[in-house]
N, C-alpha and C. Protein backbone atom coordinates (compact mmCIF):
# COMPACT_ATOMS: atom_id res chain seq x y z
N MET A 1 78.75 142.08 176.13
CA MET A 1 77.79 141.23 175.50
C MET A 1 77.11 141.98 174.36
N SER A 2 76.96 141.31 173.21
CA SER A 2 76.33 141.96 172.07
C SER A 2 74.83 141.76 172.10
N THR A 3 74.12 142.73 171.57
CA THR A 3 72.66 142.62 171.52
C THR A 3 72.24 141.97 170.20
N ILE A 4 71.10 141.37 170.23
CA ILE A 4 70.58 140.69 169.05
C ILE A 4 69.68 141.66 168.30
N ASP A 5 69.99 141.86 167.03
CA ASP A 5 69.18 142.72 166.18
C ASP A 5 68.01 141.90 165.65
N GLN A 6 66.79 142.24 166.12
CA GLN A 6 65.62 141.44 165.77
C GLN A 6 65.30 141.50 164.28
N SER A 7 65.47 142.63 163.66
CA SER A 7 65.15 142.74 162.23
C SER A 7 66.11 141.89 161.40
N ARG A 8 67.37 141.87 161.80
CA ARG A 8 68.34 141.04 161.09
C ARG A 8 68.04 139.56 161.29
N LEU A 9 67.64 139.19 162.48
CA LEU A 9 67.29 137.81 162.78
C LEU A 9 66.07 137.37 161.97
N LEU A 10 65.06 138.23 161.87
CA LEU A 10 63.87 137.91 161.08
C LEU A 10 64.20 137.82 159.59
N LEU A 11 65.11 138.66 159.13
CA LEU A 11 65.53 138.61 157.73
C LEU A 11 66.25 137.30 157.43
N MET A 12 67.11 136.85 158.35
CA MET A 12 67.81 135.57 158.17
C MET A 12 66.81 134.42 158.17
N ARG A 13 65.83 134.47 159.06
CA ARG A 13 64.80 133.43 159.13
C ARG A 13 64.02 133.38 157.83
N SER A 14 63.64 134.51 157.32
CA SER A 14 62.90 134.59 156.07
C SER A 14 63.72 134.03 154.91
N SER A 15 64.99 134.33 154.89
CA SER A 15 65.88 133.83 153.85
C SER A 15 65.99 132.31 153.90
N ILE A 16 66.11 131.76 155.09
CA ILE A 16 66.21 130.31 155.26
C ILE A 16 64.92 129.64 154.82
N LEU A 17 63.77 130.22 155.19
CA LEU A 17 62.49 129.64 154.78
C LEU A 17 62.32 129.68 153.27
N ASN A 18 62.74 130.77 152.64
CA ASN A 18 62.65 130.88 151.17
C ASN A 18 63.54 129.84 150.50
N GLN A 19 64.73 129.62 151.04
CA GLN A 19 65.62 128.61 150.48
C GLN A 19 65.03 127.22 150.64
N ASN A 20 64.39 126.98 151.77
CA ASN A 20 63.75 125.68 152.01
C ASN A 20 62.63 125.43 151.01
N VAL A 21 61.81 126.44 150.75
CA VAL A 21 60.72 126.31 149.78
C VAL A 21 61.29 126.05 148.39
N ALA A 22 62.37 126.76 148.02
CA ALA A 22 62.98 126.56 146.71
C ALA A 22 63.55 125.16 146.58
N LEU A 23 64.17 124.64 147.63
CA LEU A 23 64.70 123.29 147.59
C LEU A 23 63.59 122.25 147.49
N GLN A 24 62.49 122.48 148.18
CA GLN A 24 61.37 121.54 148.10
C GLN A 24 60.76 121.55 146.69
N ARG A 25 60.66 122.73 146.08
CA ARG A 25 60.16 122.80 144.70
C ARG A 25 61.09 122.08 143.75
N ALA A 26 62.40 122.26 143.95
CA ALA A 26 63.37 121.59 143.08
C ALA A 26 63.30 120.08 143.24
N ALA A 27 62.95 119.61 144.43
CA ALA A 27 62.83 118.18 144.67
C ALA A 27 61.47 117.65 144.21
N GLY A 28 60.57 118.55 143.80
CA GLY A 28 59.27 118.13 143.29
C GLY A 28 58.25 117.86 144.37
N ARG A 29 58.43 118.44 145.53
CA ARG A 29 57.51 118.18 146.64
C ARG A 29 56.56 119.35 146.89
N GLY A 30 56.66 120.40 146.14
CA GLY A 30 55.79 121.55 146.39
C GLY A 30 56.25 122.31 147.60
N ALA A 31 55.36 123.12 148.16
CA ALA A 31 55.73 123.97 149.29
C ALA A 31 55.10 123.47 150.58
N ALA A 32 54.88 122.18 150.71
CA ALA A 32 54.30 121.63 151.92
C ALA A 32 55.28 121.79 153.07
N GLY A 33 54.83 122.38 154.13
CA GLY A 33 55.72 122.66 155.24
C GLY A 33 55.61 121.68 156.38
N GLY A 34 54.70 120.73 156.30
CA GLY A 34 54.49 119.79 157.39
C GLY A 34 55.53 118.70 157.43
N ALA A 35 55.44 117.88 158.47
CA ALA A 35 56.36 116.75 158.59
C ALA A 35 55.98 115.70 157.57
N GLU A 36 56.97 115.09 156.94
CA GLU A 36 56.69 114.14 155.89
C GLU A 36 56.62 112.72 156.41
N GLY A 37 57.39 112.36 157.38
CA GLY A 37 57.33 111.04 158.00
C GLY A 37 57.58 109.93 157.02
N ALA A 38 56.66 108.99 156.95
CA ALA A 38 56.82 107.81 156.10
C ALA A 38 56.76 108.16 154.63
N GLU A 39 56.10 109.25 154.29
CA GLU A 39 56.01 109.64 152.88
C GLU A 39 57.39 109.95 152.31
N GLY A 40 58.25 110.61 153.07
CA GLY A 40 59.61 110.89 152.62
C GLY A 40 60.38 109.61 152.38
N GLY A 41 60.20 108.61 153.24
CA GLY A 41 60.86 107.33 153.06
C GLY A 41 60.36 106.61 151.82
N ALA A 42 59.07 106.71 151.57
CA ALA A 42 58.50 106.06 150.39
C ALA A 42 59.03 106.73 149.12
N ASP A 43 59.17 108.05 149.14
CA ASP A 43 59.70 108.76 147.98
C ASP A 43 61.13 108.32 147.68
N PHE A 44 61.93 108.18 148.72
CA PHE A 44 63.32 107.78 148.54
C PHE A 44 63.40 106.37 148.00
N SER A 45 62.65 105.46 148.59
CA SER A 45 62.72 104.07 148.13
C SER A 45 62.17 103.94 146.72
N THR A 46 61.15 104.71 146.38
CA THR A 46 60.62 104.69 145.02
C THR A 46 61.64 105.22 144.04
N ALA A 47 62.33 106.29 144.41
CA ALA A 47 63.35 106.86 143.52
C ALA A 47 64.49 105.88 143.30
N ILE A 48 64.94 105.24 144.36
CA ILE A 48 66.02 104.25 144.24
C ILE A 48 65.56 103.06 143.39
N ASN A 49 64.35 102.59 143.64
CA ASN A 49 63.83 101.46 142.88
C ASN A 49 63.71 101.80 141.40
N ASN A 50 63.21 102.99 141.09
CA ASN A 50 63.11 103.41 139.68
C ASN A 50 64.48 103.51 139.02
N ALA A 51 65.44 104.05 139.74
CA ALA A 51 66.80 104.17 139.19
C ALA A 51 67.39 102.80 138.92
N LEU A 52 67.20 101.86 139.84
CA LEU A 52 67.72 100.51 139.64
C LEU A 52 67.04 99.82 138.46
N GLN A 53 65.74 100.05 138.30
CA GLN A 53 65.03 99.46 137.16
C GLN A 53 65.54 100.03 135.83
N GLN A 54 65.84 101.34 135.82
CA GLN A 54 66.37 101.94 134.60
C GLN A 54 67.75 101.39 134.27
N VAL A 55 68.59 101.22 135.28
CA VAL A 55 69.92 100.65 135.05
C VAL A 55 69.79 99.21 134.56
N ASN A 56 68.89 98.46 135.14
CA ASN A 56 68.67 97.09 134.71
C ASN A 56 68.18 97.04 133.26
N ALA A 57 67.26 97.92 132.91
CA ALA A 57 66.76 97.96 131.53
C ALA A 57 67.87 98.32 130.56
N GLN A 58 68.73 99.24 130.95
CA GLN A 58 69.86 99.62 130.08
C GLN A 58 70.83 98.46 129.91
N GLN A 59 71.08 97.71 131.00
CA GLN A 59 71.95 96.54 130.92
C GLN A 59 71.35 95.48 129.99
N THR A 60 70.05 95.27 130.11
CA THR A 60 69.37 94.28 129.27
C THR A 60 69.43 94.69 127.80
N LYS A 61 69.18 95.97 127.53
CA LYS A 61 69.24 96.47 126.15
C LYS A 61 70.63 96.30 125.55
N ALA A 62 71.65 96.62 126.34
CA ALA A 62 73.03 96.48 125.86
C ALA A 62 73.36 95.01 125.59
N SER A 63 72.89 94.12 126.46
CA SER A 63 73.14 92.69 126.26
C SER A 63 72.45 92.18 125.00
N GLU A 64 71.21 92.61 124.79
CA GLU A 64 70.48 92.19 123.60
C GLU A 64 71.15 92.68 122.32
N LEU A 65 71.60 93.94 122.32
CA LEU A 65 72.29 94.47 121.14
C LEU A 65 73.60 93.74 120.89
N THR A 66 74.32 93.43 121.96
CA THR A 66 75.58 92.70 121.82
C THR A 66 75.34 91.32 121.23
N GLU A 67 74.34 90.62 121.77
CA GLU A 67 74.02 89.29 121.24
C GLU A 67 73.56 89.37 119.79
N SER A 68 72.80 90.40 119.45
CA SER A 68 72.35 90.58 118.08
C SER A 68 73.53 90.80 117.14
N TYR A 69 74.51 91.57 117.60
CA TYR A 69 75.71 91.81 116.79
C TYR A 69 76.52 90.52 116.63
N GLU A 70 76.63 89.76 117.71
CA GLU A 70 77.38 88.51 117.66
C GLU A 70 76.73 87.48 116.74
N ARG A 71 75.40 87.47 116.67
CA ARG A 71 74.69 86.56 115.77
C ARG A 71 74.75 87.03 114.32
N GLY A 72 75.09 88.28 114.10
CA GLY A 72 75.15 88.82 112.75
C GLY A 72 73.85 89.46 112.30
N ASP A 73 72.91 89.65 113.23
CA ASP A 73 71.64 90.28 112.90
C ASP A 73 71.79 91.76 112.59
N THR A 74 72.78 92.40 113.19
CA THR A 74 73.04 93.81 112.94
C THR A 74 74.53 94.01 112.70
N HIS A 75 74.85 95.05 111.94
CA HIS A 75 76.26 95.34 111.64
C HIS A 75 76.65 96.72 112.16
N ASP A 76 75.81 97.32 112.99
CA ASP A 76 76.06 98.66 113.51
C ASP A 76 76.81 98.56 114.83
N ILE A 77 78.12 98.46 114.73
CA ILE A 77 78.95 98.32 115.93
C ILE A 77 78.95 99.59 116.77
N VAL A 78 78.74 100.73 116.13
CA VAL A 78 78.74 102.00 116.87
C VAL A 78 77.59 102.04 117.88
N SER A 79 76.38 101.68 117.44
CA SER A 79 75.25 101.71 118.38
C SER A 79 75.42 100.67 119.48
N VAL A 80 76.02 99.53 119.15
CA VAL A 80 76.27 98.51 120.17
C VAL A 80 77.23 99.04 121.22
N MET A 81 78.30 99.67 120.79
CA MET A 81 79.29 100.19 121.74
C MET A 81 78.73 101.35 122.57
N ILE A 82 77.91 102.18 121.94
CA ILE A 82 77.31 103.30 122.69
C ILE A 82 76.39 102.76 123.78
N GLU A 83 75.57 101.78 123.45
CA GLU A 83 74.67 101.19 124.45
C GLU A 83 75.45 100.50 125.56
N ARG A 84 76.54 99.84 125.21
CA ARG A 84 77.37 99.19 126.24
C ARG A 84 78.00 100.23 127.16
N GLN A 85 78.43 101.36 126.60
CA GLN A 85 79.01 102.42 127.43
C GLN A 85 77.95 103.05 128.34
N LYS A 86 76.74 103.24 127.81
CA LYS A 86 75.65 103.76 128.65
C LYS A 86 75.37 102.81 129.81
N ALA A 87 75.33 101.52 129.51
CA ALA A 87 75.07 100.52 130.55
C ALA A 87 76.20 100.52 131.58
N SER A 88 77.42 100.63 131.11
CA SER A 88 78.57 100.65 132.01
C SER A 88 78.55 101.89 132.90
N LEU A 89 78.22 103.03 132.32
CA LEU A 89 78.16 104.27 133.09
C LEU A 89 77.06 104.21 134.14
N GLY A 90 75.89 103.67 133.77
CA GLY A 90 74.81 103.53 134.73
C GLY A 90 75.18 102.60 135.87
N PHE A 91 75.86 101.51 135.56
CA PHE A 91 76.28 100.56 136.59
C PHE A 91 77.30 101.20 137.53
N GLU A 92 78.28 101.91 136.97
CA GLU A 92 79.28 102.57 137.80
C GLU A 92 78.64 103.63 138.70
N THR A 93 77.68 104.36 138.17
CA THR A 93 76.98 105.36 138.98
C THR A 93 76.22 104.69 140.12
N THR A 94 75.57 103.58 139.83
CA THR A 94 74.86 102.84 140.86
C THR A 94 75.81 102.37 141.96
N LEU A 95 76.97 101.89 141.57
CA LEU A 95 77.96 101.46 142.56
C LEU A 95 78.43 102.63 143.43
N GLN A 96 78.65 103.78 142.82
CA GLN A 96 79.10 104.94 143.58
C GLN A 96 78.02 105.42 144.56
N VAL A 97 76.76 105.41 144.13
CA VAL A 97 75.67 105.79 145.02
C VAL A 97 75.58 104.81 146.18
N ARG A 98 75.71 103.52 145.88
CA ARG A 98 75.67 102.51 146.94
C ARG A 98 76.80 102.73 147.93
N ASN A 99 78.01 103.01 147.42
CA ASN A 99 79.15 103.24 148.31
C ASN A 99 78.93 104.46 149.20
N LYS A 100 78.36 105.52 148.63
CA LYS A 100 78.08 106.72 149.43
C LYS A 100 77.02 106.44 150.50
N LEU A 101 75.99 105.68 150.14
CA LEU A 101 74.96 105.34 151.12
C LEU A 101 75.52 104.48 152.24
N LEU A 102 76.37 103.52 151.91
CA LEU A 102 76.98 102.70 152.95
C LEU A 102 77.90 103.52 153.85
N SER A 103 78.63 104.43 153.24
CA SER A 103 79.51 105.30 154.03
C SER A 103 78.70 106.18 154.98
N ALA A 104 77.60 106.73 154.49
CA ALA A 104 76.75 107.56 155.35
C ALA A 104 76.15 106.72 156.48
N TYR A 105 75.73 105.51 156.16
CA TYR A 105 75.17 104.62 157.19
C TYR A 105 76.21 104.32 158.26
N ARG A 106 77.43 104.01 157.83
CA ARG A 106 78.50 103.73 158.80
C ARG A 106 78.79 104.95 159.67
N ASP A 107 78.81 106.12 159.05
CA ASP A 107 79.06 107.35 159.81
C ASP A 107 77.98 107.57 160.86
N ILE A 108 76.73 107.34 160.49
CA ILE A 108 75.63 107.52 161.43
C ILE A 108 75.71 106.50 162.56
N MET A 109 76.03 105.26 162.21
CA MET A 109 76.10 104.22 163.23
C MET A 109 77.27 104.44 164.20
N ASN A 110 78.31 105.11 163.73
CA ASN A 110 79.48 105.35 164.58
C ASN A 110 79.40 106.65 165.37
N MET A 111 78.31 107.38 165.22
CA MET A 111 78.16 108.64 165.97
C MET A 111 77.96 108.32 167.45
N PRO A 112 78.63 109.10 168.29
CA PRO A 112 78.41 108.90 169.74
C PRO A 112 77.01 109.38 170.13
N VAL A 113 76.43 108.68 171.09
CA VAL A 113 75.06 109.02 171.51
C VAL A 113 75.10 110.01 172.62
């Protein structure tokens, strides 16, 4: 049987805690170490809602530019196509995130208890 080196164990613990603090800072949550509970859920739903609103705004902008070009109000086809590509990319990203979330949900629901 091997013995546990306490100094090595404490060093690993310290490293894990430092990584956790760095990840929390990167996520914009500061170094709060307590349980987040409903606040974490609110942050996630707010982030998703904001992302969907941005994608919707980009879709609306692209539609308006397209209609403006079709009416002859503008002749800048390059900006119209760039905005349409941005809208398309945002929509595709939203679909991929949705697919990943559904896949994760299915995986969690299929876990044995």
